[in-house]
């Protein structure tokens, strides 16, 4: 984890947009893996904050849908520390002779369960010390 923190230039608030080819989200772990983890897009916002200026475990988050609070959490929800999740990823990739590269965007894991959206919905995630990021679906 110390190596991850040393190699991280900055963090920004982000929202991951997930999607799946599995009908009605009847999804199990093997389906998620086969579906490339149901990844779709991500939205980044705010101003970059140097990682050494934060305790990632304590960065709070409020997730809103159409102005209504849907969930709250802190960075510790991601394996105790988002940097731990990135360390796990780096170590797992190393087993396959793959390394994380400078400049790559790494999403360490969600602080909230996925929220279903439809056209017209607006999502906003506000992170303590990082600012906010939002997206509207059309």
C-alpha atoms as a PDB file:
ATOM      1  CA  UNK A   1       0.000   0.000   0.000  1.00  0.00           C
ATOM      2  CA  UNK A   2       2.870   2.387   0.725  1.00  0.00           C
ATOM      3  CA  UNK A   3       4.177   1.868  -2.809  1.00  0.00           C
ATOM      4  CA  UNK A   4       0.742   2.668  -4.242  1.00  0.00           C
ATOM      5  CA  UNK A   5       0.529   5.888  -2.244  1.00  0.00           C
ATOM      6  CA  UNK A   6       4.064   6.867  -3.292  1.00  0.00           C
ATOM      7  CA  UNK A   7       3.244   6.234  -6.955  1.00  0.00           C
ATOM      8  CA  UNK A   8      -0.072   8.112  -6.912  1.00  0.00           C
ATOM      9  CA  UNK A   9       0.172  11.718  -8.053  1.00  0.00           C
ATOM     10  CA  UNK A  10      -3.368  12.785  -7.206  1.00  0.00           C
ATOM     11  CA  UNK A  11      -6.960  11.724  -6.729  1.00  0.00           C
ATOM     12  CA  UNK A  12     -10.198  13.202  -8.066  1.00  0.00           C
ATOM     13  CA  UNK A  13     -13.867  12.475  -7.419  1.00  0.00           C
ATOM     14  CA  UNK A  14     -15.402  10.018  -9.843  1.00  0.00           C
ATOM     15  CA  UNK A  15     -18.554   8.106 -10.654  1.00  0.00           C
ATOM     16  CA  UNK A  16     -18.381   4.702 -12.299  1.00  0.00           C
ATOM     17  CA  UNK A  17     -21.177   3.880 -14.711  1.00  0.00           C
ATOM     18  CA  UNK A  18     -21.864   0.175 -14.778  1.00  0.00           C
ATOM     19  CA  UNK A  19     -23.818  -1.780 -17.333  1.00  0.00           C
ATOM     20  CA  UNK A  20     -24.349  -5.419 -18.089  1.00  0.00           C
ATOM     21  CA  UNK A  21     -25.341  -7.613 -20.943  1.00  0.00           C
ATOM     22  CA  UNK A  22     -26.986  -9.940 -18.404  1.00  0.00           C
ATOM     23  CA  UNK A  23     -30.765  -9.510 -18.577  1.00  0.00           C
ATOM     24  CA  UNK A  24     -32.534  -8.061 -15.535  1.00  0.00           C
ATOM     25  CA  UNK A  25     -29.261  -7.993 -13.566  1.00  0.00           C
ATOM     26  CA  UNK A  26     -29.614 -11.688 -12.750  1.00  0.00           C
ATOM     27  CA  UNK A  27     -25.906 -11.688 -12.290  1.00  0.00           C
ATOM     28  CA  UNK A  28     -23.465 -13.806 -10.326  1.00  0.00           C
ATOM     29  CA  UNK A  29     -19.721 -13.435  -9.865  1.00  0.00           C
ATOM     30  CA  UNK A  30     -18.888 -15.539 -12.930  1.00  0.00           C
ATOM     31  CA  UNK A  31     -21.273 -13.428 -15.009  1.00  0.00           C
ATOM     32  CA  UNK A  32     -19.642 -10.251 -13.743  1.00  0.00           C
ATOM     33  CA  UNK A  33     -16.203 -11.536 -14.709  1.00  0.00           C
ATOM     34  CA  UNK A  34     -17.400 -12.703 -18.125  1.00  0.00           C
ATOM     35  CA  UNK A  35     -19.023  -9.299 -18.618  1.00  0.00           C
ATOM     36  CA  UNK A  36     -15.658  -7.581 -17.939  1.00  0.00           C
ATOM     37  CA  UNK A  37     -16.866  -6.609 -14.448  1.00  0.00           C
ATOM     38  CA  UNK A  38     -19.897  -4.838 -15.924  1.00  0.00           C
ATOM     39  CA  UNK A  39     -17.763  -1.778 -16.544  1.00  0.00           C
ATOM     40  CA  UNK A  40     -19.089   0.806 -18.941  1.00  0.00           C
ATOM     41  CA  UNK A  41     -17.831   4.360 -18.355  1.00  0.00           C
ATOM     42  CA  UNK A  42     -16.575   6.691 -15.668  1.00  0.00           C
ATOM     43  CA  UNK A  43     -16.920  10.403 -15.055  1.00  0.00           C
ATOM     44  CA  UNK A  44     -14.187  12.346 -13.273  1.00  0.00           C
ATOM     45  CA  UNK A  45     -14.526  15.797 -11.823  1.00  0.00           C
ATOM     46  CA  UNK A  46     -13.156  18.290  -9.368  1.00  0.00           C
ATOM     47  CA  UNK A  47      -9.613  19.459  -9.010  1.00  0.00           C
ATOM     48  CA  UNK A  48      -6.733  17.022  -8.523  1.00  0.00           C
ATOM     49  CA  UNK A  49      -5.729  16.658  -4.863  1.00  0.00           C
ATOM     50  CA  UNK A  50      -2.325  15.321  -3.880  1.00  0.00           C
ATOM     51  CA  UNK A  51      -2.769  11.949  -2.217  1.00  0.00           C
ATOM     52  CA  UNK A  52      -0.468  12.865   0.682  1.00  0.00           C
ATOM     53  CA  UNK A  53      -2.926  15.629   1.634  1.00  0.00           C
ATOM     54  CA  UNK A  54      -5.636  13.036   2.399  1.00  0.00           C
ATOM     55  CA  UNK A  55      -6.352  10.084   4.614  1.00  0.00           C
ATOM     56  CA  UNK A  56      -8.179   8.072   1.955  1.00  0.00           C
ATOM     57  CA  UNK A  57      -9.889   5.936   4.608  1.00  0.00           C
ATOM     58  CA  UNK A  58     -11.666   8.989   5.985  1.00  0.00           C
ATOM     59  CA  UNK A  59     -12.766  10.684   2.763  1.00  0.00           C
ATOM     60  CA  UNK A  60     -16.546  10.821   3.103  1.00  0.00           C
ATOM     61  CA  UNK A  61     -18.948  10.575   0.180  1.00  0.00           C
ATOM     62  CA  UNK A  62     -22.595  11.525  -0.319  1.00  0.00           C
ATOM     63  CA  UNK A  63     -24.289  10.024  -3.378  1.00  0.00           C
ATOM     64  CA  UNK A  64     -27.434  11.746  -4.665  1.00  0.00           C
ATOM     65  CA  UNK A  65     -29.941  10.869  -7.363  1.00  0.00           C
ATOM     66  CA  UNK A  66     -32.087  13.758  -8.532  1.00  0.00           C
ATOM     67  CA  UNK A  67     -31.149  15.663  -5.376  1.00  0.00           C
ATOM     68  CA  UNK A  68     -32.139  12.853  -2.980  1.00  0.00           C
ATOM     69  CA  UNK A  69     -29.421  11.252  -0.843  1.00  0.00           C
ATOM     70  CA  UNK A  70     -29.166   7.605  -1.865  1.00  0.00           C
ATOM     71  CA  UNK A  71     -26.081   6.560   0.084  1.00  0.00           C
ATOM     72  CA  UNK A  72     -23.230   7.790   2.233  1.00  0.00           C
ATOM     73  CA  UNK A  73     -19.896   6.133   2.859  1.00  0.00           C
ATOM     74  CA  UNK A  74     -16.212   6.666   3.542  1.00  0.00           C
ATOM     75  CA  UNK A  75     -13.089   5.467   1.760  1.00  0.00           C
ATOM     76  CA  UNK A  76     -12.647   2.714   4.341  1.00  0.00           C
ATOM     77  CA  UNK A  77     -15.553   0.919   2.619  1.00  0.00           C
ATOM     78  CA  UNK A  78     -13.040  -0.164  -0.050  1.00  0.00           C
ATOM     79  CA  UNK A  79     -10.937  -2.905   1.597  1.00  0.00           C
ATOM     80  CA  UNK A  80     -10.268  -0.573   4.536  1.00  0.00           C
ATOM     81  CA  UNK A  81      -8.432   1.891   2.287  1.00  0.00           C
ATOM     82  CA  UNK A  82      -8.752   2.531  -1.474  1.00  0.00           C
ATOM     83  CA  UNK A  83      -4.952   2.298  -1.741  1.00  0.00           C
ATOM     84  CA  UNK A  84      -5.203  -1.284  -0.466  1.00  0.00           C
ATOM     85  CA  UNK A  85      -7.530  -2.133  -3.338  1.00  0.00           C
ATOM     86  CA  UNK A  86      -5.066  -0.677  -5.852  1.00  0.00           C
ATOM     87  CA  UNK A  87      -2.226  -2.621  -4.203  1.00  0.00           C
ATOM     88  CA  UNK A  88      -4.284  -5.799  -4.562  1.00  0.00           C
ATOM     89  CA  UNK A  89      -4.849  -4.996  -8.252  1.00  0.00           C
ATOM     90  CA  UNK A  90      -1.157  -4.317  -8.878  1.00  0.00           C
ATOM     91  CA  UNK A  91      -0.161  -7.559  -7.169  1.00  0.00           C
ATOM     92  CA  UNK A  92      -2.786  -9.597  -9.027  1.00  0.00           C
ATOM     93  CA  UNK A  93      -1.733  -8.138 -12.385  1.00  0.00           C
ATOM     94  CA  UNK A  94       1.917  -8.889 -11.576  1.00  0.00           C
ATOM     95  CA  UNK A  95       0.999 -12.589 -11.459  1.00  0.00           C
ATOM     96  CA  UNK A  96       0.306 -12.223 -15.200  1.00  0.00           C
ATOM     97  CA  UNK A  97       3.380 -10.066 -15.921  1.00  0.00           C
ATOM     98  CA  UNK A  98       1.200  -6.971 -16.310  1.00  0.00           C
ATOM     99  CA  UNK A  99       2.010  -3.708 -14.558  1.00  0.00           C
ATOM    100  CA  UNK A 100       0.108  -0.532 -13.932  1.00  0.00           C
ATOM    101  CA  UNK A 101       1.506   2.295 -16.030  1.00  0.00           C
ATOM    102  CA  UNK A 102       2.122   5.945 -15.204  1.00  0.00           C
ATOM    103  CA  UNK A 103      -0.814   8.092 -16.215  1.00  0.00           C
ATOM    104  CA  UNK A 104      -3.414   5.328 -16.046  1.00  0.00           C
ATOM    105  CA  UNK A 105      -6.744   6.075 -14.386  1.00  0.00           C
ATOM    106  CA  UNK A 106      -7.384   3.538 -11.642  1.00  0.00           C
ATOM    107  CA  UNK A 107     -10.802   3.202 -10.026  1.00  0.00           C
ATOM    108  CA  UNK A 108     -10.149   1.500  -6.674  1.00  0.00           C
ATOM    109  CA  UNK A 109     -13.700   0.352  -6.038  1.00  0.00           C
ATOM    110  CA  UNK A 110     -17.135   1.712  -5.298  1.00  0.00           C
ATOM    111  CA  UNK A 111     -18.106   3.252  -1.991  1.00  0.00           C
ATOM    112  CA  UNK A 112     -21.765   2.639  -2.824  1.00  0.00           C
ATOM    113  CA  UNK A 113     -23.840  -0.105  -4.319  1.00  0.00           C
ATOM    114  CA  UNK A 114     -24.983   0.609  -7.861  1.00  0.00           C
ATOM    115  CA  UNK A 115     -28.066   2.810  -8.204  1.00  0.00           C
ATOM    116  CA  UNK A 116     -30.460   2.186 -11.092  1.00  0.00           C
ATOM    117  CA  UNK A 117     -30.911   5.191 -13.368  1.00  0.00           C
ATOM    118  CA  UNK A 118     -33.012   6.031 -16.377  1.00  0.00           C
ATOM    119  CA  UNK A 119     -33.157   8.821 -18.939  1.00  0.00           C
ATOM    120  CA  UNK A 120     -33.498  12.190 -17.218  1.00  0.00           C
ATOM    121  CA  UNK A 121     -31.872  11.121 -13.941  1.00  0.00           C
ATOM    122  CA  UNK A 122     -29.000  13.134 -12.507  1.00  0.00           C
ATOM    123  CA  UNK A 123     -26.381  11.609 -10.199  1.00  0.00           C
ATOM    124  CA  UNK A 124     -23.996  13.583  -8.017  1.00  0.00           C
ATOM    125  CA  UNK A 125     -21.243  12.278  -5.764  1.00  0.00           C
ATOM    126  CA  UNK A 126     -19.698  14.725  -3.314  1.00  0.00           C
ATOM    127  CA  UNK A 127     -16.439  13.760  -1.611  1.00  0.00           C
ATOM    128  CA  UNK A 128     -14.977  15.486   1.438  1.00  0.00           C
ATOM    129  CA  UNK A 129     -11.807  17.414   0.454  1.00  0.00           C
ATOM    130  CA  UNK A 130     -12.179  16.375  -3.210  1.00  0.00           C
ATOM    131  CA  UNK A 131     -15.284  18.150  -4.429  1.00  0.00           C
ATOM    132  CA  UNK A 132     -18.041  16.657  -6.506  1.00  0.00           C
ATOM    133  CA  UNK A 133     -18.744  15.005  -9.815  1.00  0.00           C
ATOM    134  CA  UNK A 134     -22.090  14.713 -11.552  1.00  0.00           C
ATOM    135  CA  UNK A 135     -23.675  13.185 -14.593  1.00  0.00           C
ATOM    136  CA  UNK A 136     -27.109  13.403 -16.212  1.00  0.00           C
ATOM    137  CA  UNK A 137     -28.450  10.487 -18.223  1.00  0.00           C
ATOM    138  CA  UNK A 138     -30.242  11.076 -21.526  1.00  0.00           C
END
